[in-house]
Amino acid sequence: MGVRALDISLGKHYILECYDCDIDILCSPEQLETIFLNAANLSGATVISSHFNQFDPQGVSGVVVIAESHFTVHTWPEHRYAAVDIFTCGASIDFDIAMQVMKTGLRCREMVTSGKLDRGLMTGERLLRAESFASPKTHATMSYKQKFEAENAWGLLTSLDIHDCDPDIIRDGEAIKRYAVELCDHIDMKRFGETVAVDFGENERVAGFSLVQLIETSLISGHFANQTNNAYIDIFSCKFYEPHDAAVFSIKFFKGKNYTMNVAVRK
């Protein structure tokens, strides 16, 4: 029996999930570019070029092109999450160093390697077909609407923390009332009664306007903190709406720097 030639791969591909990262870093193309260039250089890669793009209202996609292939990142600041790929066809890159530089730079509390793949597997001179070694699909992704419908949910709650808002807007009761009216129009909710916006709070830490707007399918509420210029908004409805649309509308209205978002399906 002849000796089978050793299998080789054309490249190594690491897929990294980065959780609980620093939100300001996830929003900054300049800081992210510095982190990923450092990771590439310190891990032994040969940097060719880099490009990082900022999205509106937040989020960054970036790539560092290396002679051996690439490092890429896409960020979701609203979830304090970054998706990272390291792909290399060279044997000289130290993946452990690259990942540690990224974890430290992103101030990431948890980094998980969700994939470690051999790309372009070859046996002798034959390139293997992907389907011959691909893992079965174990998870199906769903939109918020699909999840809402699949679980026969009673309601949907979106909690928004909007940071560094325009101080003039969050201290203006009429502007806050206008926000509630325009948000309801934007996400197609029917208001029930007048918007209430009250400025109160003897404690400096909690002083600021609070908002209540009843809607026929439940409630929109918020608090606007003078001390930090942050807005804390809850949108709860038994009628479906798209959380991302509500979030983008809200951060633009209050001219916030960035935001985080938590979505809960209520049953």
C-alpha atoms as a PDB file:
ATOM      1  CA  MET A   1       0.000   0.000   0.000  1.00  0.00           C
ATOM      2  CA  GLY A   2       1.399   3.367  -0.970  1.00  0.00           C
ATOM      3  CA  VAL A   3       1.904   6.166   1.542  1.00  0.00           C
ATOM      4  CA  ARG A   4      -0.768   8.871   1.314  1.00  0.00           C
ATOM      5  CA  ALA A   5       0.603  12.376   0.913  1.00  0.00           C
ATOM      6  CA  LEU A   6       0.028  14.675   3.879  1.00  0.00           C
ATOM      7  CA  ASP A   7      -2.999  16.974   3.652  1.00  0.00           C
ATOM      8  CA  ILE A   8      -2.160  20.650   3.496  1.00  0.00           C
ATOM      9  CA  SER A   9      -4.228  23.824   3.534  1.00  0.00           C
ATOM     10  CA  LEU A  10      -3.801  27.030   1.592  1.00  0.00           C
ATOM     11  CA  GLY A  11      -4.738  29.185   4.557  1.00  0.00           C
ATOM     12  CA  LYS A  12      -5.740  29.386   8.217  1.00  0.00           C
ATOM     13  CA  HIS A  13      -8.906  31.250   9.188  1.00  0.00           C
ATOM     14  CA  TYR A  14      -9.730  32.287  12.763  1.00  0.00           C
ATOM     15  CA  ILE A  15     -13.228  33.633  13.530  1.00  0.00           C
ATOM     16  CA  LEU A  16     -13.365  35.614  16.779  1.00  0.00           C
ATOM     17  CA  GLU A  17     -16.360  36.856  18.774  1.00  0.00           C
ATOM     18  CA  CYS A  18     -15.510  39.861  20.970  1.00  0.00           C
ATOM     19  CA  TYR A  19     -18.029  40.652  23.719  1.00  0.00           C
ATOM     20  CA  ASP A  20     -18.405  43.529  26.206  1.00  0.00           C
ATOM     21  CA  CYS A  21     -15.949  45.795  24.410  1.00  0.00           C
ATOM     22  CA  ASP A  22     -15.423  49.517  25.026  1.00  0.00           C
ATOM     23  CA  ILE A  23     -18.206  51.301  23.146  1.00  0.00           C
ATOM     24  CA  ASP A  24     -16.138  54.404  22.343  1.00  0.00           C
ATOM     25  CA  ILE A  25     -13.450  52.261  20.722  1.00  0.00           C
ATOM     26  CA  LEU A  26     -16.038  50.329  18.709  1.00  0.00           C
ATOM     27  CA  CYS A  27     -17.286  53.647  17.320  1.00  0.00           C
ATOM     28  CA  SER A  28     -13.838  54.992  16.394  1.00  0.00           C
ATOM     29  CA  PRO A  29     -12.301  54.004  13.036  1.00  0.00           C
ATOM     30  CA  GLU A  30      -9.052  55.697  14.058  1.00  0.00           C
ATOM     31  CA  GLN A  31      -8.648  53.715  17.279  1.00  0.00           C
ATOM     32  CA  LEU A  32      -9.671  50.454  15.623  1.00  0.00           C
ATOM     33  CA  GLU A  33      -7.185  50.969  12.804  1.00  0.00           C
ATOM     34  CA  THR A  34      -4.386  51.533  15.318  1.00  0.00           C
ATOM     35  CA  ILE A  35      -5.339  48.372  17.254  1.00  0.00           C
ATOM     36  CA  PHE A  36      -5.494  46.148  14.164  1.00  0.00           C
ATOM     37  CA  LEU A  37      -2.302  47.528  12.655  1.00  0.00           C
ATOM     38  CA  ASN A  38      -0.552  46.831  15.973  1.00  0.00           C
ATOM     39  CA  ALA A  39      -2.005  43.313  16.046  1.00  0.00           C
ATOM     40  CA  ALA A  40      -0.783  42.644  12.523  1.00  0.00           C
ATOM     41  CA  ASN A  41       2.690  44.063  13.054  1.00  0.00           C
ATOM     42  CA  LEU A  42       3.326  42.480  16.453  1.00  0.00           C
ATOM     43  CA  SER A  43       2.101  39.065  15.292  1.00  0.00           C
ATOM     44  CA  GLY A  44       4.610  38.984  12.455  1.00  0.00           C
ATOM     45  CA  ALA A  45       2.362  39.911   9.511  1.00  0.00           C
ATOM     46  CA  THR A  46       3.535  42.089   6.628  1.00  0.00           C
ATOM     47  CA  VAL A  47       1.140  45.041   6.372  1.00  0.00           C
ATOM     48  CA  ILE A  48       0.266  46.217   2.854  1.00  0.00           C
ATOM     49  CA  SER A  49      -2.608  48.673   3.480  1.00  0.00           C
ATOM     50  CA  SER A  50      -5.600  49.383   5.697  1.00  0.00           C
ATOM     51  CA  HIS A  51      -9.058  50.918   5.373  1.00  0.00           C
ATOM     52  CA  PHE A  52     -11.647  51.587   8.096  1.00  0.00           C
ATOM     53  CA  ASN A  53     -15.102  52.986   7.401  1.00  0.00           C
ATOM     54  CA  GLN A  54     -17.517  54.555   9.897  1.00  0.00           C
ATOM     55  CA  PHE A  55     -21.263  54.034   9.454  1.00  0.00           C
ATOM     56  CA  ASP A  56     -24.161  56.326  10.381  1.00  0.00           C
ATOM     57  CA  PRO A  57     -25.164  56.531  13.184  1.00  0.00           C
ATOM     58  CA  GLN A  58     -22.496  54.150  14.512  1.00  0.00           C
ATOM     59  CA  GLY A  59     -20.480  51.038  13.747  1.00  0.00           C
ATOM     60  CA  VAL A  60     -17.222  50.486  11.891  1.00  0.00           C
ATOM     61  CA  SER A  61     -15.995  48.011   9.291  1.00  0.00           C
ATOM     62  CA  GLY A  62     -12.294  47.716   8.684  1.00  0.00           C
ATOM     63  CA  VAL A  63      -9.628  45.671   6.947  1.00  0.00           C
ATOM     64  CA  VAL A  64      -5.871  45.438   7.262  1.00  0.00           C
ATOM     65  CA  VAL A  65      -4.513  43.867   4.097  1.00  0.00           C
ATOM     66  CA  ILE A  66      -1.371  41.852   4.766  1.00  0.00           C
ATOM     67  CA  ALA A  67       0.950  40.035   2.391  1.00  0.00           C
ATOM     68  CA  GLU A  68      -0.315  36.815   3.961  1.00  0.00           C
ATOM     69  CA  SER A  69      -4.030  37.769   3.522  1.00  0.00           C
ATOM     70  CA  HIS A  70      -6.063  40.006   5.910  1.00  0.00           C
ATOM     71  CA  PHE A  71      -7.391  41.012   9.332  1.00  0.00           C
ATOM     72  CA  THR A  72     -10.999  42.291   9.344  1.00  0.00           C
ATOM     73  CA  VAL A  73     -13.449  43.680  11.898  1.00  0.00           C
ATOM     74  CA  HIS A  74     -17.071  44.790  12.009  1.00  0.00           C
ATOM     75  CA  THR A  75     -18.491  46.396  15.151  1.00  0.00           C
ATOM     76  CA  TRP A  76     -21.947  46.630  16.721  1.00  0.00           C
ATOM     77  CA  PRO A  77     -21.469  49.283  19.434  1.00  0.00           C
ATOM     78  CA  GLU A  78     -25.135  48.984  20.472  1.00  0.00           C
ATOM     79  CA  HIS A  79     -24.315  45.462  21.661  1.00  0.00           C
ATOM     80  CA  ARG A  80     -20.681  46.149  22.657  1.00  0.00           C
ATOM     81  CA  TYR A  81     -19.705  43.447  20.163  1.00  0.00           C
ATOM     82  CA  ALA A  82     -17.100  43.069  17.429  1.00  0.00           C
ATOM     83  CA  ALA A  83     -16.786  40.316  14.812  1.00  0.00           C
ATOM     84  CA  VAL A  84     -13.157  39.676  13.885  1.00  0.00           C
ATOM     85  CA  ASP A  85     -11.534  37.496  11.217  1.00  0.00           C
ATOM     86  CA  ILE A  86      -7.849  36.646  10.882  1.00  0.00           C
ATOM     87  CA  PHE A  87      -7.007  34.913   7.614  1.00  0.00           C
ATOM     88  CA  THR A  88      -3.460  34.056   6.632  1.00  0.00           C
ATOM     89  CA  CYS A  89      -1.719  31.869   4.101  1.00  0.00           C
ATOM     90  CA  GLY A  90       1.603  32.287   5.895  1.00  0.00           C
ATOM     91  CA  ALA A  91       3.060  30.125   8.645  1.00  0.00           C
ATOM     92  CA  SER A  92       4.906  32.935  10.425  1.00  0.00           C
ATOM     93  CA  ILE A  93       1.961  34.759  12.063  1.00  0.00           C
ATOM     94  CA  ASP A  94       1.518  34.277  15.813  1.00  0.00           C
ATOM     95  CA  PHE A  95      -2.265  34.074  16.280  1.00  0.00           C
ATOM     96  CA  ASP A  96      -2.023  34.188  20.090  1.00  0.00           C
ATOM     97  CA  ILE A  97      -0.191  37.523  20.004  1.00  0.00           C
ATOM     98  CA  ALA A  98      -2.646  38.959  17.466  1.00  0.00           C
ATOM     99  CA  MET A  99      -5.651  37.951  19.573  1.00  0.00           C
ATOM    100  CA  GLN A 100      -4.150  39.295  22.796  1.00  0.00           C
ATOM    101  CA  VAL A 101      -3.373  42.672  21.208  1.00  0.00           C
ATOM    102  CA  MET A 102      -6.960  42.866  19.932  1.00  0.00           C
ATOM    103  CA  LYS A 103      -8.494  41.823  23.251  1.00  0.00           C
ATOM    104  CA  THR A 104      -6.451  44.386  25.169  1.00  0.00           C
ATOM    105  CA  GLY A 105      -7.021  47.137  22.617  1.00  0.00           C
ATOM    106  CA  LEU A 106     -10.785  46.596  22.420  1.00  0.00           C
ATOM    107  CA  ARG A 107     -10.960  46.326  26.238  1.00  0.00           C
ATOM    108  CA  CYS A 108     -12.835  43.146  25.556  1.00  0.00           C
ATOM    109  CA  ARG A 109     -14.053  41.189  28.589  1.00  0.00           C
ATOM    110  CA  GLU A 110     -14.555  37.997  26.627  1.00  0.00           C
ATOM    111  CA  MET A 111     -13.073  36.815  23.341  1.00  0.00           C
ATOM    112  CA  VAL A 112     -14.325  33.505  21.950  1.00  0.00           C
ATOM    113  CA  THR A 113     -12.812  31.616  19.040  1.00  0.00           C
ATOM    114  CA  SER A 114     -15.967  30.410  17.296  1.00  0.00           C
ATOM    115  CA  GLY A 115     -14.139  29.027  14.271  1.00  0.00           C
ATOM    116  CA  LYS A 116     -10.676  27.769  13.405  1.00  0.00           C
ATOM    117  CA  LEU A 117     -10.663  26.603   9.803  1.00  0.00           C
ATOM    118  CA  ASP A 118      -8.226  25.159   7.289  1.00  0.00           C
ATOM    119  CA  ARG A 119      -9.053  26.924   4.028  1.00  0.00           C
ATOM    120  CA  GLY A 120      -8.325  25.334   0.669  1.00  0.00           C
ATOM    121  CA  LEU A 121      -7.678  21.822   1.955  1.00  0.00           C
ATOM    122  CA  MET A 122      -5.620  19.748  -0.420  1.00  0.00           C
ATOM    123  CA  THR A 123      -4.809  16.041  -0.555  1.00  0.00           C
ATOM    124  CA  GLY A 124      -1.793  15.546  -2.735  1.00  0.00           C
ATOM    125  CA  GLU A 125      -2.529  17.710  -5.749  1.00  0.00           C
ATOM    126  CA  ARG A 126      -6.320  17.669  -5.413  1.00  0.00           C
ATOM    127  CA  LEU A 127      -8.252  20.590  -3.889  1.00  0.00           C
ATOM    128  CA  LEU A 128     -11.028  19.138  -1.724  1.00  0.00           C
ATOM    129  CA  ARG A 129     -14.591  20.363  -2.195  1.00  0.00           C
ATOM    130  CA  ALA A 130     -15.930  22.343   0.747  1.00  0.00           C
ATOM    131  CA  GLU A 131     -18.992  20.135   1.134  1.00  0.00           C
ATOM    132  CA  SER A 132     -16.802  17.135   1.891  1.00  0.00           C
ATOM    133  CA  PHE A 133     -15.728  18.554   5.240  1.00  0.00           C
ATOM    134  CA  ALA A 134     -18.226  21.314   6.035  1.00  0.00           C
ATOM    135  CA  SER A 135     -19.938  21.169   9.429  1.00  0.00           C
ATOM    136  CA  PRO A 136     -23.731  20.784   9.421  1.00  0.00           C
ATOM    137  CA  LYS A 137     -25.686  23.957  10.084  1.00  0.00           C
ATOM    138  CA  THR A 138     -26.741  23.929  13.711  1.00  0.00           C
ATOM    139  CA  HIS A 139     -28.179  27.413  14.215  1.00  0.00           C
ATOM    140  CA  ALA A 140     -30.740  29.360  12.212  1.00  0.00           C
ATOM    141  CA  THR A 141     -30.637  33.134  12.383  1.00  0.00           C
ATOM    142  CA  MET A 142     -33.878  35.058  12.845  1.00  0.00           C
ATOM    143  CA  SER A 143     -34.911  38.664  12.517  1.00  0.00           C
ATOM    144  CA  TYR A 144     -36.608  40.331  15.474  1.00  0.00           C
ATOM    145  CA  LYS A 145     -39.901  40.045  13.627  1.00  0.00           C
ATOM    146  CA  GLN A 146     -39.431  36.333  12.947  1.00  0.00           C
ATOM    147  CA  LYS A 147     -38.557  35.718  16.589  1.00  0.00           C
ATOM    148  CA  PHE A 148     -41.552  37.763  17.735  1.00  0.00           C
ATOM    149  CA  GLU A 149     -43.878  35.741  15.541  1.00  0.00           C
ATOM    150  CA  ALA A 150     -42.259  32.354  16.131  1.00  0.00           C
ATOM    151  CA  GLU A 151     -42.559  32.691  19.903  1.00  0.00           C
ATOM    152  CA  ASN A 152     -46.107  34.066  19.695  1.00  0.00           C
ATOM    153  CA  ALA A 153     -44.865  36.906  21.896  1.00  0.00           C
ATOM    154  CA  TRP A 154     -47.145  39.270  23.751  1.00  0.00           C
ATOM    155  CA  GLY A 155     -44.829  42.242  23.490  1.00  0.00           C
ATOM    156  CA  LEU A 156     -41.445  43.640  22.527  1.00  0.00           C
ATOM    157  CA  LEU A 157     -39.262  45.823  24.766  1.00  0.00           C
ATOM    158  CA  THR A 158     -36.376  47.900  23.448  1.00  0.00           C
ATOM    159  CA  SER A 159     -34.182  49.629  26.044  1.00  0.00           C
ATOM    160  CA  LEU A 160     -31.884  52.342  24.723  1.00  0.00           C
ATOM    161  CA  ASP A 161     -28.997  54.057  26.512  1.00  0.00           C
ATOM    162  CA  ILE A 162     -27.998  57.069  24.414  1.00  0.00           C
ATOM    163  CA  HIS A 163     -24.749  58.673  25.535  1.00  0.00           C
ATOM    164  CA  ASP A 164     -23.592  62.307  25.387  1.00  0.00           C
ATOM    165  CA  CYS A 165     -26.782  63.791  23.951  1.00  0.00           C
ATOM    166  CA  ASP A 166     -27.155  67.442  23.010  1.00  0.00           C
ATOM    167  CA  PRO A 167     -27.678  69.087  26.433  1.00  0.00           C
ATOM    168  CA  ASP A 168     -30.040  71.716  25.035  1.00  0.00           C
ATOM    169  CA  ILE A 169     -32.396  69.081  23.622  1.00  0.00           C
ATOM    170  CA  ILE A 170     -32.622  66.854  26.706  1.00  0.00           C
ATOM    171  CA  ARG A 171     -33.296  69.918  28.898  1.00  0.00           C
ATOM    172  CA  ASP A 172     -36.125  71.107  26.664  1.00  0.00           C
ATOM    173  CA  GLY A 173     -39.467  69.645  27.715  1.00  0.00           C
ATOM    174  CA  GLU A 174     -41.189  70.611  24.479  1.00  0.00           C
ATOM    175  CA  ALA A 175     -38.432  68.950  22.422  1.00  0.00           C
ATOM    176  CA  ILE A 176     -38.820  65.758  24.466  1.00  0.00           C
ATOM    177  CA  LYS A 177     -42.587  65.787  23.871  1.00  0.00           C
ATOM    178  CA  ARG A 178     -41.982  66.300  20.164  1.00  0.00           C
ATOM    179  CA  TYR A 179     -39.630  63.306  20.199  1.00  0.00           C
ATOM    180  CA  ALA A 180     -42.375  61.057  21.564  1.00  0.00           C
ATOM    181  CA  VAL A 181     -44.863  62.231  18.936  1.00  0.00           C
ATOM    182  CA  GLU A 182     -42.412  61.842  16.058  1.00  0.00           C
ATOM    183  CA  LEU A 183     -41.158  58.468  17.297  1.00  0.00           C
ATOM    184  CA  CYS A 184     -44.712  57.141  17.395  1.00  0.00           C
ATOM    185  CA  ASP A 185     -45.214  58.285  13.820  1.00  0.00           C
ATOM    186  CA  HIS A 186     -41.885  56.770  12.780  1.00  0.00           C
ATOM    187  CA  ILE A 187     -42.608  53.289  14.182  1.00  0.00           C
ATOM    188  CA  ASP A 188     -46.350  53.445  13.408  1.00  0.00           C
ATOM    189  CA  MET A 189     -47.694  53.545  16.978  1.00  0.00           C
ATOM    190  CA  LYS A 190     -50.984  55.238  17.881  1.00  0.00           C
ATOM    191  CA  ARG A 191     -50.639  57.579  20.857  1.00  0.00           C
ATOM    192  CA  PHE A 192     -53.160  57.459  23.683  1.00  0.00           C
ATOM    193  CA  GLY A 193     -53.464  60.745  25.561  1.00  0.00           C
ATOM    194  CA  GLU A 194     -51.014  63.611  25.810  1.00  0.00           C
ATOM    195  CA  THR A 195     -47.260  63.286  26.228  1.00  0.00           C
ATOM    196  CA  VAL A 196     -46.031  63.941  29.777  1.00  0.00           C
ATOM    197  CA  ALA A 197     -42.542  65.381  30.309  1.00  0.00           C
ATOM    198  CA  VAL A 198     -41.675  66.501  33.851  1.00  0.00           C
ATOM    199  CA  ASP A 199     -38.403  68.020  35.062  1.00  0.00           C
ATOM    200  CA  PHE A 200     -37.663  66.876  38.608  1.00  0.00           C
ATOM    201  CA  GLY A 201     -35.139  65.228  40.923  1.00  0.00           C
ATOM    202  CA  GLU A 202     -33.494  66.883  43.929  1.00  0.00           C
ATOM    203  CA  ASN A 203     -30.584  64.442  43.742  1.00  0.00           C
ATOM    204  CA  GLU A 204     -28.078  65.754  41.168  1.00  0.00           C
ATOM    205  CA  ARG A 205     -27.398  62.231  39.919  1.00  0.00           C
ATOM    206  CA  VAL A 206     -30.992  61.681  38.768  1.00  0.00           C
ATOM    207  CA  ALA A 207     -32.096  65.250  38.011  1.00  0.00           C
ATOM    208  CA  GLY A 208     -33.629  65.802  34.590  1.00  0.00           C
ATOM    209  CA  PHE A 209     -36.763  65.289  32.537  1.00  0.00           C
ATOM    210  CA  SER A 210     -38.798  62.090  32.687  1.00  0.00           C
ATOM    211  CA  LEU A 211     -41.083  61.135  29.807  1.00  0.00           C
ATOM    212  CA  VAL A 212     -44.258  59.071  29.632  1.00  0.00           C
ATOM    213  CA  GLN A 213     -46.259  58.490  26.455  1.00  0.00           C
ATOM    214  CA  LEU A 214     -49.069  55.961  26.517  1.00  0.00           C
ATOM    215  CA  ILE A 215     -49.682  54.173  23.243  1.00  0.00           C
ATOM    216  CA  GLU A 216     -52.633  51.971  22.384  1.00  0.00           C
ATOM    217  CA  THR A 217     -50.351  48.939  22.465  1.00  0.00           C
ATOM    218  CA  SER A 218     -48.533  49.912  25.719  1.00  0.00           C
ATOM    219  CA  LEU A 219     -45.983  52.564  26.683  1.00  0.00           C
ATOM    220  CA  ILE A 220     -42.929  54.679  25.809  1.00  0.00           C
ATOM    221  CA  SER A 221     -40.958  56.065  28.730  1.00  0.00           C
ATOM    222  CA  GLY A 222     -37.641  57.774  29.263  1.00  0.00           C
ATOM    223  CA  HIS A 223     -35.366  59.618  31.643  1.00  0.00           C
ATOM    224  CA  PHE A 224     -32.849  62.275  30.617  1.00  0.00           C
ATOM    225  CA  ALA A 225     -29.952  62.712  33.033  1.00  0.00           C
ATOM    226  CA  ASN A 226     -28.568  66.233  33.311  1.00  0.00           C
ATOM    227  CA  GLN A 227     -25.396  65.070  35.052  1.00  0.00           C
ATOM    228  CA  THR A 228     -24.234  62.883  32.174  1.00  0.00           C
ATOM    229  CA  ASN A 229     -26.355  64.111  29.239  1.00  0.00           C
ATOM    230  CA  ASN A 230     -27.454  60.505  28.750  1.00  0.00           C
ATOM    231  CA  ALA A 231     -30.954  59.401  27.718  1.00  0.00           C
ATOM    232  CA  TYR A 232     -32.516  56.160  28.959  1.00  0.00           C
ATOM    233  CA  ILE A 233     -35.515  55.156  26.860  1.00  0.00           C
ATOM    234  CA  ASP A 234     -37.850  52.139  26.980  1.00  0.00           C
ATOM    235  CA  ILE A 235     -40.221  51.297  24.129  1.00  0.00           C
ATOM    236  CA  PHE A 236     -42.711  48.567  25.028  1.00  0.00           C
ATOM    237  CA  SER A 237     -45.462  47.440  22.660  1.00  0.00           C
ATOM    238  CA  CYS A 238     -47.573  44.362  22.016  1.00  0.00           C
ATOM    239  CA  LYS A 239     -47.598  45.439  18.368  1.00  0.00           C
ATOM    240  CA  PHE A 240     -44.356  44.676  16.539  1.00  0.00           C
ATOM    241  CA  TYR A 241     -41.978  47.462  15.537  1.00  0.00           C
ATOM    242  CA  GLU A 242     -38.382  47.284  14.324  1.00  0.00           C
ATOM    243  CA  PRO A 243     -36.004  47.987  17.267  1.00  0.00           C
ATOM    244  CA  HIS A 244     -33.156  49.168  15.060  1.00  0.00           C
ATOM    245  CA  ASP A 245     -35.371  51.768  13.356  1.00  0.00           C
ATOM    246  CA  ALA A 246     -36.437  53.136  16.749  1.00  0.00           C
ATOM    247  CA  ALA A 247     -32.823  53.251  17.939  1.00  0.00           C
ATOM    248  CA  VAL A 248     -31.475  55.069  14.895  1.00  0.00           C
ATOM    249  CA  PHE A 249     -34.314  57.609  15.015  1.00  0.00           C
ATOM    250  CA  SER A 250     -33.677  58.233  18.729  1.00  0.00           C
ATOM    251  CA  ILE A 251     -29.913  58.753  18.581  1.00  0.00           C
ATOM    252  CA  LYS A 252     -30.299  61.165  15.670  1.00  0.00           C
ATOM    253  CA  PHE A 253     -33.069  63.127  17.395  1.00  0.00           C
ATOM    254  CA  PHE A 254     -31.034  63.650  20.576  1.00  0.00           C
ATOM    255  CA  LYS A 255     -27.726  64.010  18.682  1.00  0.00           C
ATOM    256  CA  GLY A 256     -26.098  61.367  20.842  1.00  0.00           C
ATOM    257  CA  LYS A 257     -22.502  60.221  20.522  1.00  0.00           C
ATOM    258  CA  ASN A 258     -23.339  56.499  20.564  1.00  0.00           C
ATOM    259  CA  TYR A 259     -25.882  54.090  22.032  1.00  0.00           C
ATOM    260  CA  THR A 260     -26.396  50.606  23.429  1.00  0.00           C
ATOM    261  CA  MET A 261     -29.546  48.569  22.864  1.00  0.00           C
ATOM    262  CA  ASN A 262     -31.157  45.617  24.621  1.00  0.00           C
ATOM    263  CA  VAL A 263     -34.183  43.910  23.076  1.00  0.00           C
ATOM    264  CA  ALA A 264     -36.425  41.528  24.994  1.00  0.00           C
ATOM    265  CA  VAL A 265     -39.317  39.469  23.646  1.00  0.00           C
ATOM    266  CA  ARG A 266     -42.048  39.390  26.304  1.00  0.00           C
ATOM    267  CA  LYS A 267     -44.310  36.371  26.549  1.00  0.00           C
END
